[in-house]
Each structure stands twice: as structure tokens, then as C-alpha cells.
Protein backbone atom coordinates (compact mmCIF):
# COMPACT_ATOMS: atom_id res chain seq x y z
CA MET A 1 -3.87 12.87 -24.86
CA ALA A 2 -5.45 15.42 -22.53
CA LYS A 3 -6.07 18.88 -23.91
CA LYS A 4 -4.06 21.82 -22.64
CA ASP A 5 -6.41 22.61 -19.75
CA GLU A 6 -7.53 19.04 -19.03
CA TRP A 7 -6.19 16.23 -16.90
CA ALA A 8 -6.48 12.62 -18.00
CA VAL A 9 -8.96 10.45 -16.12
CA PHE A 10 -7.72 7.69 -13.83
CA PRO A 11 -7.95 4.70 -16.18
CA PHE A 12 -9.04 2.03 -13.72
CA GLN A 13 -12.49 3.28 -12.82
CA ASP A 14 -13.68 -0.22 -11.98
CA GLU A 15 -11.42 -0.16 -8.94
CA ALA A 16 -13.31 1.17 -5.93
CA PHE A 17 -10.97 3.32 -3.85
CA ASN A 18 -13.65 5.31 -2.06
CA TYR A 19 -13.07 6.35 1.54
CA ASP A 20 -16.24 8.20 2.43
CA GLY A 21 -17.18 9.24 5.94
CA ASN A 22 -15.15 7.66 8.72
CA ALA A 23 -13.54 5.19 6.33
CA LEU A 24 -10.75 7.62 5.48
CA GLU A 25 -9.66 8.09 9.09
CA ASP A 26 -10.10 4.37 9.84
CA CYS A 27 -7.87 3.41 6.90
CA TRP A 28 -5.42 6.32 7.25
CA PRO A 29 -2.63 4.30 8.94
CA ARG A 30 -2.50 1.86 6.00
CA LEU A 31 -3.05 4.50 3.32
CA HIS A 32 -0.19 6.60 4.68
CA LEU A 33 2.10 3.87 5.93
CA GLY A 34 4.55 4.89 3.23
CA ASP A 35 4.66 8.65 3.78
CA CYS A 36 3.86 9.22 7.49
CA GLU A 37 1.43 12.04 6.64
CA PRO A 38 -0.40 13.12 9.83
CA TRP A 39 -4.19 12.80 9.95
CA PRO A 40 -5.44 16.32 9.07
CA SER A 41 -7.71 16.87 12.05
CA ALA A 42 -8.93 20.29 13.09
CA ALA A 43 -6.65 20.15 16.14
CA TYR A 44 -3.60 19.29 14.03
CA LEU A 45 -4.31 22.11 11.58
CA GLU A 46 -4.80 24.60 14.39
CA ARG A 47 -1.40 23.66 15.85
CA LEU A 48 0.14 23.97 12.39
CA CYS A 49 -1.21 27.49 11.99
CA ASN A 50 -0.29 28.51 15.52
CA ASP A 51 3.32 27.44 14.94
CA ASN A 52 3.63 30.02 12.17
CA LYS A 53 0.98 32.70 11.75
CA LYS A 54 2.01 33.08 8.12
CA VAL A 55 0.52 29.64 7.37
CA ALA A 56 -3.03 30.80 8.06
CA ALA A 57 -2.42 33.86 5.89
CA THR A 58 -1.99 31.57 2.86
CA ILE A 59 -5.51 30.12 3.20
CA PRO A 60 -7.93 32.01 0.92
CA GLY A 61 -10.77 33.60 2.90
CA PHE A 62 -9.90 31.73 6.10
CA ASP A 63 -12.10 32.73 9.03
CA GLY A 64 -10.56 30.55 11.71
CA ASP A 65 -12.90 27.58 11.17
CA PHE A 66 -10.44 24.71 11.52
CA ALA A 67 -13.17 22.08 11.36
CA ALA A 68 -14.16 23.30 7.89
CA LEU A 69 -10.51 23.43 6.84
CA ALA A 70 -10.01 19.86 8.04
CA THR A 71 -13.04 18.69 6.05
CA GLN A 72 -11.67 20.38 2.93
CA ILE A 73 -8.24 18.79 3.22
CA GLN A 74 -9.72 15.39 4.07
CA ASP A 75 -11.88 15.67 0.94
CA ALA A 76 -8.74 16.46 -1.05
CA TRP A 77 -7.17 13.26 0.24
CA ARG A 78 -10.35 11.31 -0.59
CA ALA A 79 -10.08 12.57 -4.16
CA TYR A 80 -6.39 11.68 -4.27
CA HIS A 81 -6.87 8.12 -3.05
CA ALA A 82 -9.76 7.64 -5.50
CA GLY A 83 -7.61 8.79 -8.44
CA ASP A 84 -9.21 12.18 -9.03
CA PHE A 85 -5.84 13.88 -8.98
CA ARG A 86 -7.01 17.16 -10.48
CA LYS A 87 -9.72 17.57 -7.83
CA ALA A 88 -7.22 16.66 -5.10
CA ARG A 89 -4.84 19.32 -6.37
CA GLU A 90 -7.56 21.97 -6.61
CA LEU A 91 -8.95 21.28 -3.13
CA GLY A 92 -5.45 21.19 -1.69
CA LEU A 93 -4.43 24.50 -3.24
CA ALA A 94 -7.69 26.10 -2.07
CA ALA A 95 -6.65 25.18 1.49
CA GLY A 96 -3.42 27.19 1.25
CA ALA A 97 -0.16 25.89 2.68
CA PRO A 98 -1.87 23.22 4.87
CA GLY A 99 -3.12 21.64 1.63
CA PHE A 100 0.18 21.79 -0.26
CA ASN A 101 1.21 18.23 0.60
CA VAL A 102 -1.88 16.65 -0.95
CA ALA A 103 -1.77 19.05 -3.91
CA ASN A 104 1.89 18.26 -4.56
CA LYS A 105 1.48 14.51 -4.19
CA ALA A 106 -1.52 14.49 -6.52
CA THR A 107 0.40 16.57 -9.07
CA GLY A 108 3.49 14.39 -8.93
CA ILE A 109 1.69 11.07 -9.22
CA TYR A 110 -0.48 12.38 -12.05
CA ALA A 111 2.50 13.83 -13.93
CA HIS A 112 4.47 10.60 -13.54
CA TYR A 113 1.80 8.12 -14.54
CA LEU A 114 -0.97 9.82 -16.52
CA GLU A 115 0.31 12.97 -18.22
CA GLU A 116 1.25 12.02 -21.78
CA ASP A 117 2.74 15.36 -22.81
CA GLU A 118 6.38 15.47 -21.68
CA GLY A 119 6.52 19.26 -21.56
CA ARG A 120 3.41 19.45 -19.39
CA SER A 121 4.65 16.76 -17.02
CA LEU A 122 7.99 18.55 -16.56
CA LYS A 123 6.14 21.79 -15.84
CA GLN A 124 3.90 20.01 -13.31
CA PHE A 125 6.87 18.43 -11.54
CA ARG A 126 8.68 21.75 -11.37
CA GLU A 127 5.64 23.66 -10.09
CA ALA A 128 5.06 21.06 -7.37
CA ALA A 129 8.73 21.12 -6.37
CA ASP A 130 8.69 24.92 -6.15
CA ARG A 131 5.48 24.85 -4.13
CA ALA A 132 7.02 22.28 -1.80
CA ALA A 133 9.96 24.63 -1.26
CA GLU A 134 7.47 27.27 -0.15
CA ALA A 135 5.86 24.71 2.16
CA ILE A 136 9.27 24.03 3.72
CA ARG A 137 9.71 27.74 4.40
CA LEU A 138 6.34 27.94 6.12
CA MET A 139 6.20 24.47 7.72
CA PRO A 140 9.79 23.26 8.20
CA GLY A 141 8.65 20.45 10.48
CA SER A 142 6.47 18.85 7.79
CA CYS A 143 8.25 15.73 6.60
CA ASN A 144 6.24 15.68 3.38
CA ALA A 145 7.04 19.25 2.49
CA HIS A 146 10.66 18.07 2.24
CA TYR A 147 9.73 14.76 0.63
CA GLN A 148 7.51 16.29 -2.04
CA ARG A 149 10.27 18.71 -2.98
CA ALA A 150 12.61 15.75 -3.44
CA PHE A 151 10.07 13.54 -5.21
CA ASN A 152 8.96 16.11 -7.75
CA LEU A 153 12.44 17.47 -8.35
CA GLY A 154 13.64 13.89 -8.74
CA ARG A 155 11.01 13.05 -11.36
CA TYR A 156 11.78 16.34 -13.10
CA SER A 157 15.46 15.35 -13.12
CA GLN A 158 14.66 11.98 -14.66
CA GLY A 159 12.67 13.79 -17.33
CA ILE A 160 15.47 16.14 -18.36
CA SER A 161 18.13 13.39 -17.84
CA ILE A 162 20.05 12.62 -14.67
CA ALA A 163 23.28 13.93 -16.21
CA LYS A 164 21.74 17.32 -16.97
CA ALA A 165 20.08 17.47 -13.56
CA LEU A 166 23.39 16.84 -11.82
CA THR A 167 25.10 19.62 -13.74
CA GLN A 168 22.25 21.96 -12.73
CA GLY A 169 22.75 21.14 -9.06
CA HIS A 170 19.48 19.28 -8.52
CA GLY A 171 21.20 16.21 -7.11
CA GLY A 172 22.31 17.93 -3.93
CA LYS A 173 18.86 19.43 -3.38
CA ILE A 174 17.17 16.04 -3.78
CA LYS A 175 19.59 14.26 -1.45
CA SER A 176 19.38 17.01 1.16
CA SER A 177 15.57 17.05 1.10
CA LEU A 178 15.34 13.26 1.46
CA GLU A 179 17.82 13.21 4.32
CA HIS A 180 15.86 16.00 6.02
CA THR A 181 12.66 14.00 5.54
CA LEU A 182 14.22 11.05 7.33
CA ARG A 183 15.53 13.19 10.18
CA ILE A 184 11.94 14.29 10.82
CA ALA A 185 10.31 10.92 10.07
CA PRO A 186 12.78 7.99 10.18
CA SER A 187 9.96 5.59 9.28
CA HIS A 188 9.16 7.36 5.99
CA ALA A 189 9.34 4.34 3.66
CA GLU A 190 8.87 6.36 0.47
CA ALA A 191 11.82 8.58 1.37
CA HIS A 192 13.99 5.51 2.00
CA THR A 193 13.00 4.18 -1.42
CA ALA A 194 13.70 7.51 -3.11
CA LEU A 195 17.06 7.92 -1.37
CA GLY A 196 18.05 4.41 -2.40
CA MET A 197 17.13 5.29 -5.98
CA PHE A 198 19.10 8.54 -5.77
CA HIS A 199 22.27 6.64 -4.88
CA ALA A 200 21.61 4.04 -7.58
CA GLU A 201 20.95 6.54 -10.37
CA VAL A 202 23.97 8.69 -9.58
CA ILE A 203 26.20 5.60 -9.54
CA SER A 204 24.72 4.47 -12.85
CA GLN A 205 25.33 7.88 -14.38
CA VAL A 206 28.86 8.77 -13.25
CA GLY A 207 30.31 5.50 -11.96
CA ALA A 208 30.83 4.26 -8.42
CA MET A 209 34.08 6.11 -7.71
CA VAL A 210 32.97 9.56 -8.87
CA ALA A 211 29.53 9.03 -7.33
CA GLY A 212 31.06 8.29 -3.95
CA VAL A 213 33.58 11.12 -3.94
CA THR A 214 31.44 13.84 -5.51
CA TYR A 215 27.89 13.01 -4.41
CA GLY A 216 28.35 10.62 -1.48
CA ALA A 217 26.44 7.94 -3.41
CA LYS A 218 27.29 4.35 -2.51
CA LYS A 219 25.90 0.95 -3.49
CA ASP A 220 25.79 -0.32 0.09
CA THR A 221 23.85 2.76 1.18
CA ALA A 222 21.37 2.33 -1.66
CA LEU A 223 20.73 -1.30 -0.70
CA LYS A 224 20.33 -0.34 2.96
CA HIS A 225 17.63 2.20 2.11
CA PHE A 226 15.80 -0.21 -0.22
CA ASP A 227 15.81 -2.91 2.46
CA GLU A 228 14.60 -0.47 5.12
CA ALA A 229 11.74 0.70 2.90
CA LEU A 230 10.51 -2.88 2.53
CA ARG A 231 10.87 -3.51 6.25
CA LEU A 232 8.78 -0.45 7.02
CA HIS A 233 6.19 -1.07 4.31
CA PRO A 234 6.21 -4.76 3.32
CA GLU A 235 3.07 -4.34 1.19
CA SER A 236 4.54 -1.61 -1.02
CA ALA A 237 4.64 -2.24 -4.76
CA ILE A 238 6.66 0.89 -5.54
CA ALA A 239 9.35 -0.05 -3.01
CA ARG A 240 9.84 -3.33 -4.89
CA MET A 241 9.70 -1.66 -8.30
CA GLU A 242 12.33 0.91 -7.41
CA TYR A 243 14.47 -1.72 -5.70
CA GLY A 244 14.46 -3.66 -8.95
CA ASN A 245 15.24 -0.52 -10.95
CA GLY A 246 18.05 0.29 -8.55
CA LEU A 247 19.61 -3.17 -8.89
CA LEU A 248 19.63 -2.86 -12.67
CA ALA A 249 21.08 0.66 -12.48
CA MET A 250 23.93 -0.40 -10.22
CA PHE A 251 24.65 -3.97 -11.31
CA GLY A 252 23.12 -4.38 -14.77
CA ASP A 253 22.50 -7.89 -16.06
CA LYS A 254 24.22 -9.43 -13.03
CA ARG A 255 21.09 -8.74 -10.98
CA VAL A 256 18.41 -9.04 -13.66
CA ASP A 257 16.89 -12.16 -12.08
CA ASP A 258 16.62 -10.41 -8.71
CA ALA A 259 15.06 -7.36 -10.35
CA THR A 260 12.54 -9.51 -12.22
CA ALA A 261 11.57 -11.25 -8.99
CA LEU A 262 10.97 -7.87 -7.35
CA TYR A 263 8.82 -6.75 -10.29
CA GLN A 264 6.76 -9.93 -9.95
CA GLN A 265 6.31 -9.35 -6.22
CA ALA A 266 5.19 -5.79 -6.97
CA ALA A 267 2.71 -7.02 -9.58
CA ASP A 268 1.25 -9.41 -7.02
CA CYS A 269 0.63 -6.69 -4.42
CA ALA A 270 -2.92 -5.60 -3.56
CA ALA A 271 -3.72 -1.92 -4.10
CA VAL A 272 -5.56 0.15 -1.51
CA ASP A 273 -5.69 3.35 -3.56
CA ALA A 274 -5.19 4.78 -7.03
CA MET A 275 -1.47 5.41 -6.62
CA GLU A 276 -0.81 1.84 -5.57
CA CYS A 277 -2.96 0.63 -8.47
CA LEU A 278 -0.80 2.60 -10.89
CA ASP A 279 2.37 1.28 -9.24
CA ILE A 280 1.16 -2.30 -9.69
CA GLU A 281 0.15 -1.74 -13.30
CA GLN A 282 3.63 -0.38 -14.01
CA ALA A 283 5.14 -3.51 -12.49
CA LYS A 284 2.96 -5.68 -14.72
CA ALA A 285 4.10 -3.66 -17.74
CA GLU A 286 7.75 -4.26 -16.83
CA LEU A 287 7.11 -8.01 -16.90
CA GLU A 288 5.56 -8.04 -20.37
């Protein structure tokens, strides 16, 4: 277990997920097929800051050098894809609001897969969700500001129990953030997966009738989002994993064979970065 001020090391160091130099930009479309994150070029970051002058004000010591800012955020993403989640978070936070998406994604994936202390992981999820809410205020057009709020608040909700999260009003925030993500980026496969899982978990928790009337959660809608996620990102392990989890949540043993087949497909996927590696390892664990 990591000490209080330490983060656990990515456990699959023999996997080479290094995207040095131009490799990161060259591979960006595949690396971000699931989340539609824009390439953080100097021109993109300048437009982002010009859209809201308050964004630049969040960048510590910023002197207007967008090329240097782009390099910093690209390095944060390099660290993220390689599995150095702590470095990705630190570099992202040091870039102010333009780096919040990479910082929040690194935090959420680390907390979900590698943090062994439940209290610490809940704190990490909540901090990332709160930071994403700030990103939404500053950059409302960023699809991943909305998605990271939903993702981290969703994992936090799973940690405290779905029932408790629903009574605290988190369900509506998660659903709203995911729907907003998809209004901005309809091809956001990870948001489709997460929204499918939202419907499935609410149905599992309160039953189909109450879920439909109170939360607008429906089995057909869940299946539609799971199918769309796989159409958009056919190489995604996590889309298959969550589809399988969703089938079990909604249908129980009636769909166990279908869920097992999806877990096997996920286990057979090829990882292109640390997150996908962790997704695949989780699928293998489900099959044991």
C-alpha cells in the first residue's frame, strides 16, 4: 500500500507505452478515440484562453508563451499514457485550467485501479470531480470537463454505494454531465459507456419502474449507449467490460453468458496505453 504522500507505481512496467517526440501527436487519434480530447496545440490553447480571459489567470506564472504551455500539457499526457499518473496530475495542475482534463483523468484512473486505500481513493475522486466542476465554469465547451465530472463523481458514488449516492443527489449530476458531454461531442465513446452504466446501475438499485419514473433510467437506453460506444470505439476493452457489467446489473444470471463473452473480448484487446492495459487486466481478473 502506498504511503500517505505516495502514489503506487504502474505495475506493468514491461509494457512500453512511450510516446516521445512526434509519436504522441501521430498516435493521438487512436489514443483519444474514446474521449475526443482535442490535440493540445499552442493554437488550440490560445483560442481556449481567448474565449475566457479567466482561464489564463489560472495558469501559475503564465507569460503568454502558448508553445511552452502546449509542451507542458503534452508532457502531462505522455506521462498519463505511460502510466505515471502522479506526474501527469502534477504537470496538468501546474498548467492551470487548460491542464485540468489530464490531471482529472490521471487522478480518476489511478484512484480506480491503483489506490488501495478506500478513503484516499474516495478523496481523489471527489477532488477531481470538484476540479472538473471548476473547469466547466471556465471552459463550458470542453466535453471532457463535463465527462470528468461525471466519471469521477460516478466512481465516488460506486465507492460510497449507489443507494447512498442517489439519496445525496449525485445521480442527477452524473446523468446531466454525461448528457452534456454528448451534446458537445456525440462521438464520445467513454461517455456513451458511462451513461449506459448509469442507467444499468440505477435500474439494478431501485428497480426498472422506479428507475424509469424517478431517474429516467431505462434498459433499452442503456443497451443503446453500450452498442453505440462499441460502434464508435470497436477496440475498447472498457466498453466491453462495462457492457458486461451492465448486462449483469440489469438482467442477472439470464445474461451471464453474454457478459462472460464480453469480458473475454475485453481480455483479448490490445492495449495502446496504461489505462487500456489496466482495463484489460481487470477483464482477465473477471474471468478467473
